[in-house]
Protein backbone atom coordinates (compact mmCIF):
# COMPACT_ATOMS: atom_id res chain seq x y z
CA MET A 1 -0.97 11.25 -0.56
CA THR A 2 -1.10 10.54 3.22
CA GLY A 3 -2.89 7.74 5.08
CA ILE A 4 -1.97 4.18 5.77
CA ILE A 5 -0.93 1.45 3.39
CA THR A 6 -0.04 -2.31 4.04
CA ILE A 7 3.16 -3.51 2.95
CA GLU A 8 1.40 -6.01 0.65
CA ASP A 9 -0.43 -3.12 -1.10
CA LEU A 10 2.82 -1.43 -1.84
CA TRP A 11 4.23 -4.70 -3.37
CA THR A 12 0.93 -4.89 -5.40
CA ALA A 13 1.62 -1.38 -6.72
CA LEU A 14 5.13 -2.29 -7.72
CA GLY A 15 4.06 -5.56 -9.34
CA ILE A 16 6.54 -7.52 -7.49
CA ARG A 17 5.12 -10.97 -6.61
CA PRO A 18 6.31 -12.80 -3.15
CA SER A 19 8.38 -15.13 -5.17
CA GLN A 20 10.34 -12.33 -6.63
CA ARG A 21 11.13 -10.34 -3.55
CA SER A 22 14.31 -10.55 -1.56
CA GLN A 23 15.77 -8.85 1.45
CA PHE A 24 17.42 -6.37 -1.02
CA HIS A 25 14.08 -5.38 -2.18
CA ASN A 26 12.69 -5.09 1.34
CA GLU A 27 15.46 -2.82 2.45
CA ASN A 28 15.29 -0.61 -0.70
CA LEU A 29 11.51 -0.21 -0.19
CA ALA A 30 11.88 0.60 3.34
CA ALA A 31 14.48 3.15 2.75
CA ALA A 32 12.69 4.70 0.01
CA LEU A 33 9.58 5.17 2.23
CA ARG A 34 11.53 6.55 5.08
CA ASN A 35 12.99 9.16 2.75
CA LEU A 36 9.49 10.14 1.70
CA GLY A 37 8.31 10.60 5.19
CA TRP A 38 6.29 7.40 5.69
CA ASN A 39 6.63 5.59 9.16
CA LYS A 40 6.62 1.85 9.67
CA THR A 41 3.85 0.33 12.08
CA ARG A 42 1.98 -2.75 12.80
CA ARG A 43 -1.90 -2.60 12.70
CA ARG A 44 -4.93 -4.76 12.62
CA PHE A 45 -6.86 -4.78 9.54
CA GLY A 46 -10.08 -6.25 8.10
CA SER A 47 -10.12 -9.84 9.59
CA GLY A 48 -8.17 -8.49 12.77
CA ALA A 49 -4.83 -10.06 11.62
CA ARG A 50 -2.06 -7.85 12.27
CA ALA A 51 0.13 -6.42 9.45
CA TYR A 52 3.09 -4.28 8.72
CA ALA A 53 1.96 -0.91 7.19
CA TYR A 54 3.37 2.60 6.47
CA THR A 55 1.73 5.92 7.61
CA ARG A 56 2.05 9.46 6.70
CA GLY A 57 0.18 12.48 8.10
CA GLU A 58 -2.04 13.10 10.93
CA GLU A 59 -4.24 10.51 12.60
CA PRO A 60 -6.89 9.27 12.06
CA HIS A 61 -5.25 7.69 8.87
CA LYS A 62 -7.35 6.95 6.07
CA ARG A 63 -6.85 3.51 4.62
CA ILE A 64 -5.09 3.40 1.14
CA HIS A 65 -5.90 0.47 -1.17
CA ILE A 66 -4.09 -0.33 -4.47
CA ILE A 67 -6.00 -1.57 -7.41
CA PRO A 68 -3.75 -3.55 -9.71
CA GLY A 69 -3.49 -2.39 -13.27
CA GLU A 70 -4.73 -4.56 -16.12
CA ASP A 71 -3.65 -4.98 -19.59
CA GLY A 72 -0.17 -3.16 -19.09
CA TYR A 73 -1.81 -0.24 -17.31
CA PRO A 74 -0.29 0.86 -13.89
CA ALA A 75 -1.83 0.26 -10.48
CA THR A 76 -3.94 2.98 -8.98
CA ALA A 77 -4.32 4.00 -5.33
CA GLU A 78 -7.63 4.98 -3.72
CA TYR A 79 -8.84 5.82 -0.29
CA GLU A 80 -10.91 3.19 1.37
CA ASN A 81 -13.99 5.44 1.52
CA ASP A 82 -13.53 6.24 -2.02
CA LEU A 83 -13.90 2.64 -3.30
CA GLU A 84 -17.28 2.05 -4.93
CA GLU A 85 -18.66 0.52 -8.01
CA LYS A 86 -17.67 2.80 -10.75
CA PRO A 87 -19.51 2.56 -14.07
CA GLU A 88 -17.79 0.91 -16.98
CA TYR A 89 -17.87 2.91 -20.23
C-alpha cells in the first residue's frame, strides 16, 4: 500500500491507546516504517491542523484511513476516496 497515513491512524491500527504509548513504542514504530520504505513528514489534514504522517510512493499521495476493528476483528485500511457507506448484510 502506498499513500499517506497519520501517526494517529497507525496507532489505531495497532490498537495502542495514548495512555499505553511510550518513547520505546514511538522509536520502534518509526524504525519499522523506515525499514518498510515510509518517510516521516508533517502535513495539514481536515481542519487545517498539522499532524505527523508517513508517506510512501509517488505524489500526489492518497490518504489512507484506518477503520478500527470490532468484536475482536483487526482494523482495516482504506483509501480516503474509497470510504463510503457499505451495505450491512
